[in-house]
N, C-alpha and C. Protein backbone atom coordinates (compact mmCIF):
# COMPACT_ATOMS: atom_id res chain seq x y z
N UNK A 1 2.68 -7.98 3.90
CA UNK A 1 2.25 -7.99 2.89
C UNK A 1 2.60 -5.98 2.26
N UNK A 2 3.46 -6.35 1.21
CA UNK A 2 3.57 -4.86 0.70
C UNK A 2 2.96 -4.21 0.01
N UNK A 3 2.49 -2.87 0.20
CA UNK A 3 1.73 -2.30 -0.61
C UNK A 3 2.48 -1.00 -1.45
N UNK A 4 2.14 -0.70 -2.52
CA UNK A 4 2.75 0.83 -3.11
C UNK A 4 1.56 1.20 -3.85
N UNK A 5 1.81 2.69 -3.19
CA UNK A 5 0.46 3.33 -4.00
C UNK A 5 1.03 4.87 -4.85
N UNK A 6 0.42 4.87 -5.74
CA UNK A 6 0.65 5.73 -6.70
C UNK A 6 -0.43 6.70 -6.44
N UNK A 7 0.47 8.27 -6.19
CA UNK A 7 -0.46 9.00 -6.22
C UNK A 7 -0.69 10.42 -7.29
N UNK A 8 -1.49 10.92 -7.71
CA UNK A 8 -2.02 11.92 -8.68
C UNK A 8 -1.43 12.86 -8.48
N UNK A 9 -0.44 12.96 -9.90
CA UNK A 9 0.54 14.52 -9.74
C UNK A 9 1.67 14.40 -8.80
N UNK A 10 2.08 13.35 -8.43
CA UNK A 10 3.02 13.22 -7.41
C UNK A 10 3.82 11.98 -8.18
N UNK A 11 5.44 12.38 -8.33
CA UNK A 11 6.50 11.86 -9.00
C UNK A 11 6.71 10.49 -8.22
N UNK A 12 6.89 10.26 -7.11
CA UNK A 12 7.09 8.75 -6.47
C UNK A 12 5.79 8.14 -5.63
N UNK A 13 5.97 7.46 -5.54
CA UNK A 13 5.43 6.55 -5.13
C UNK A 13 4.95 5.96 -3.27
N UNK A 14 4.06 5.94 -3.00
CA UNK A 14 3.96 5.30 -1.49
C UNK A 14 5.00 3.65 -1.27
N UNK A 15 5.46 3.39 -0.44
CA UNK A 15 5.17 1.94 -0.30
C UNK A 15 5.55 1.64 1.37
N UNK A 16 4.89 0.75 2.04
CA UNK A 16 4.47 0.23 3.00
C UNK A 16 4.57 -0.97 3.03
N UNK A 17 4.67 -1.68 4.54
CA UNK A 17 4.96 -3.11 5.04
C UNK A 17 3.69 -3.12 5.91
N UNK A 18 2.86 -4.08 5.46
CA UNK A 18 1.79 -4.26 6.65
C UNK A 18 1.41 -5.11 6.96
N UNK A 19 0.94 -5.35 8.17
CA UNK A 19 0.28 -7.32 8.66
C UNK A 19 -1.34 -7.37 8.21
N UNK A 20 -1.62 -6.61 7.23
CA UNK A 20 -3.17 -6.92 6.99
C UNK A 20 -2.61 -7.73 5.74
N UNK A 21 -3.91 -8.69 5.55
CA UNK A 21 -3.96 -9.50 4.61
C UNK A 21 -4.42 -9.10 3.45
N UNK A 22 -4.30 -9.37 1.90
CA UNK A 22 -4.78 -8.88 1.02
C UNK A 22 -6.01 -8.05 0.74
N UNK A 23 -7.27 -9.55 1.08
CA UNK A 23 -8.64 -8.94 0.96
C UNK A 23 -9.02 -7.43 2.19
N UNK A 24 -8.19 -7.59 3.30
CA UNK A 24 -8.13 -6.28 4.24
C UNK A 24 -7.64 -4.80 3.75
N UNK A 25 -6.74 -5.16 2.92
CA UNK A 25 -6.80 -3.61 2.10
C UNK A 25 -7.39 -3.41 0.94
N UNK A 26 -7.60 -4.62 0.15
CA UNK A 26 -8.58 -4.26 -0.98
C UNK A 26 -9.80 -3.47 -0.57
N UNK A 27 -10.05 -4.37 0.69
CA UNK A 27 -11.36 -3.66 1.74
C UNK A 27 -11.45 -2.41 1.67
N UNK A 28 -10.20 -2.05 2.14
CA UNK A 28 -9.96 -0.51 3.06
C UNK A 28 -9.69 0.51 1.27
N UNK A 29 -9.59 -0.27 0.54
CA UNK A 29 -9.25 0.70 -0.99
C UNK A 29 -10.72 0.90 -1.23
N UNK A 30 -11.29 -0.18 -1.59
CA UNK A 30 -13.07 -0.17 -2.04
C UNK A 30 -13.73 0.71 -1.05
N UNK A 31 -13.47 1.13 0.01
CA UNK A 31 -14.16 1.85 0.64
C UNK A 31 -13.83 3.03 0.53
N UNK A 32 -12.35 3.30 0.66
CA UNK A 32 -11.92 4.89 -0.10
C UNK A 32 -12.40 5.11 -1.27
N UNK A 33 -12.70 4.60 -2.17
CA UNK A 33 -12.76 5.00 -3.54
C UNK A 33 -14.52 5.03 -3.61
N UNK A 34 -15.21 4.47 -2.74
CA UNK A 34 -16.45 4.52 -2.90
C UNK A 34 -17.47 5.37 -2.73
N UNK A 35 -17.09 6.53 -1.77
CA UNK A 35 -17.25 7.94 -2.00
C UNK A 35 -16.00 9.05 -2.12
N UNK A 36 -16.40 10.53 -2.68
CA UNK A 36 -16.13 11.49 -2.62
C UNK A 36 -15.08 11.98 -2.18
N UNK A 37 -15.34 11.90 -0.46
CA UNK A 37 -14.49 12.44 0.22
C UNK A 37 -13.76 11.32 1.14
N UNK A 38 -13.78 10.03 0.59
CA UNK A 38 -13.15 8.65 1.34
C UNK A 38 -11.89 8.93 0.95
N UNK A 39 -11.43 8.54 2.02
CA UNK A 39 -10.08 8.05 2.56
C UNK A 39 -9.27 7.04 3.10
N UNK A 40 -8.01 6.83 2.17
CA UNK A 40 -7.53 5.05 2.21
C UNK A 40 -6.18 5.39 3.38
N UNK A 41 -7.05 4.34 4.39
CA UNK A 41 -6.24 4.42 5.35
C UNK A 41 -5.77 3.03 5.71
N UNK A 42 -4.03 3.20 5.66
CA UNK A 42 -3.80 2.06 6.24
C UNK A 42 -2.44 2.11 7.35
N UNK A 43 -2.66 0.71 8.01
CA UNK A 43 -1.31 1.01 8.87
C UNK A 43 -0.16 0.48 8.56
N UNK A 44 0.58 0.53 8.98
CA UNK A 44 1.85 -0.08 8.72
C UNK A 44 2.72 -1.48 9.65
N UNK A 45 3.29 -2.11 9.25
CA UNK A 45 4.11 -2.94 10.50
C UNK A 45 4.40 -2.44 11.55
N UNK A 46 5.18 -1.39 11.55
CA UNK A 46 5.18 -0.30 12.99
C UNK A 46 4.66 0.50 13.40
N UNK A 47 2.97 0.58 13.38
CA UNK A 47 2.26 1.08 13.93
C UNK A 47 1.70 2.18 13.85
N UNK A 48 2.39 2.93 12.22
CA UNK A 48 2.01 4.35 11.96
C UNK A 48 0.94 4.14 10.79
N UNK A 49 0.30 5.21 10.23
CA UNK A 49 -1.02 5.57 9.34
C UNK A 49 -0.65 6.11 8.58
N UNK A 50 -0.84 5.65 7.54
CA UNK A 50 -0.81 6.52 6.09
C UNK A 50 -2.20 6.60 5.24
N UNK A 51 -2.71 8.10 5.41
CA UNK A 51 -3.91 8.29 4.79
C UNK A 51 -3.59 9.05 3.47
N UNK A 52 -4.39 8.35 2.95
CA UNK A 52 -4.38 9.18 1.44
C UNK A 52 -5.70 9.50 0.67
N UNK A 53 -5.73 10.55 0.06
CA UNK A 53 -7.61 11.07 0.20
C UNK A 53 -7.69 9.68 -0.99
N UNK A 54 -8.72 9.52 -1.37
CA UNK A 54 -9.22 8.53 -2.31
C UNK A 54 -9.81 8.92 -3.69
N UNK A 55 -9.71 10.23 -3.88
CA UNK A 55 -9.46 11.11 -5.14
C UNK A 55 -8.64 11.15 -5.48
N UNK A 56 -7.45 11.04 -5.01
CA UNK A 56 -6.19 11.46 -5.45
C UNK A 56 -5.30 10.16 -5.89
N UNK A 57 -5.65 8.54 -5.34
CA UNK A 57 -5.40 7.61 -5.86
C UNK A 57 -5.20 7.30 -7.32
N UNK A 58 -3.95 7.09 -7.79
CA UNK A 58 -3.79 6.97 -8.96
C UNK A 58 -3.95 5.33 -9.36
N UNK A 59 -3.23 4.30 -8.47
CA UNK A 59 -2.96 3.44 -8.68
C UNK A 59 -2.41 2.36 -6.98
N UNK A 60 -3.13 0.86 -7.21
CA UNK A 60 -2.20 0.73 -5.50
C UNK A 60 -1.41 -1.10 -6.32
N UNK A 61 -0.67 -1.04 -5.88
CA UNK A 61 -0.02 -3.01 -5.87
C UNK A 61 0.13 -3.39 -5.00
N UNK A 62 -0.57 -4.46 -4.41
CA UNK A 62 -0.74 -5.10 -3.52
C UNK A 62 0.30 -6.44 -3.71
N UNK A 63 1.22 -7.10 -2.85
CA UNK A 63 1.88 -8.55 -3.06
C UNK A 63 2.75 -8.86 -2.21
N UNK A 64 3.34 -10.06 -2.12
CA UNK A 64 3.96 -10.72 -1.01
C UNK A 64 5.64 -9.50 -1.21
N UNK A 65 5.53 -9.73 0.14
CA UNK A 65 7.37 -9.08 0.68
C UNK A 65 8.14 -9.91 0.00
N UNK A 66 9.46 -9.40 -0.59
CA UNK A 66 10.39 -10.47 -1.10
C UNK A 66 11.58 -10.69 0.03
N UNK A 67 11.83 -11.56 0.54
CA UNK A 67 12.28 -12.24 1.11
C UNK A 67 14.41 -11.93 1.13
N UNK A 68 14.75 -11.11 1.75
CA UNK A 68 15.90 -10.79 1.78
C UNK A 68 16.60 -11.79 1.65
N UNK A 69 17.72 -12.42 0.64
CA UNK A 69 18.55 -12.92 0.61
C UNK A 69 19.96 -13.24 0.93
N UNK A 70 20.48 -14.49 1.54
CA UNK A 70 21.50 -14.72 1.98
C UNK A 70 22.77 -15.48 1.60
N UNK A 71 23.76 -14.83 2.08
CA UNK A 71 24.74 -15.74 1.19
C UNK A 71 25.10 -15.15 -0.29
N UNK A 72 26.44 -15.94 -0.43
CA UNK A 72 26.66 -15.90 -2.24
C UNK A 72 26.09 -16.40 -2.97
N UNK A 73 25.31 -15.67 -4.17
CA UNK A 73 24.88 -16.80 -5.37
C UNK A 73 25.74 -17.26 -6.24
N UNK A 74 25.17 -18.05 -6.97
CA UNK A 74 26.15 -18.54 -8.07
C UNK A 74 26.55 -18.04 -8.94
N UNK A 75 28.26 -18.15 -8.88
CA UNK A 75 28.88 -16.73 -10.19
C UNK A 75 29.26 -17.80 -11.46
């Protein structure tokens, strides 16, 4: 699952690939936004952990990863 996070007052977004499904990511986001001191904590597919303060989250996009294309396209 590909997750992209927009952080307030930061020009670039964070993107990570996680093995969690959309429901697990949504649950983590809900928990982080529920309290003023909440922290969004996600682990990517390589085992690295990303921490974002809940109050700094601007937006989150969750979607399936795009499969790489192999070969030549029609011209």
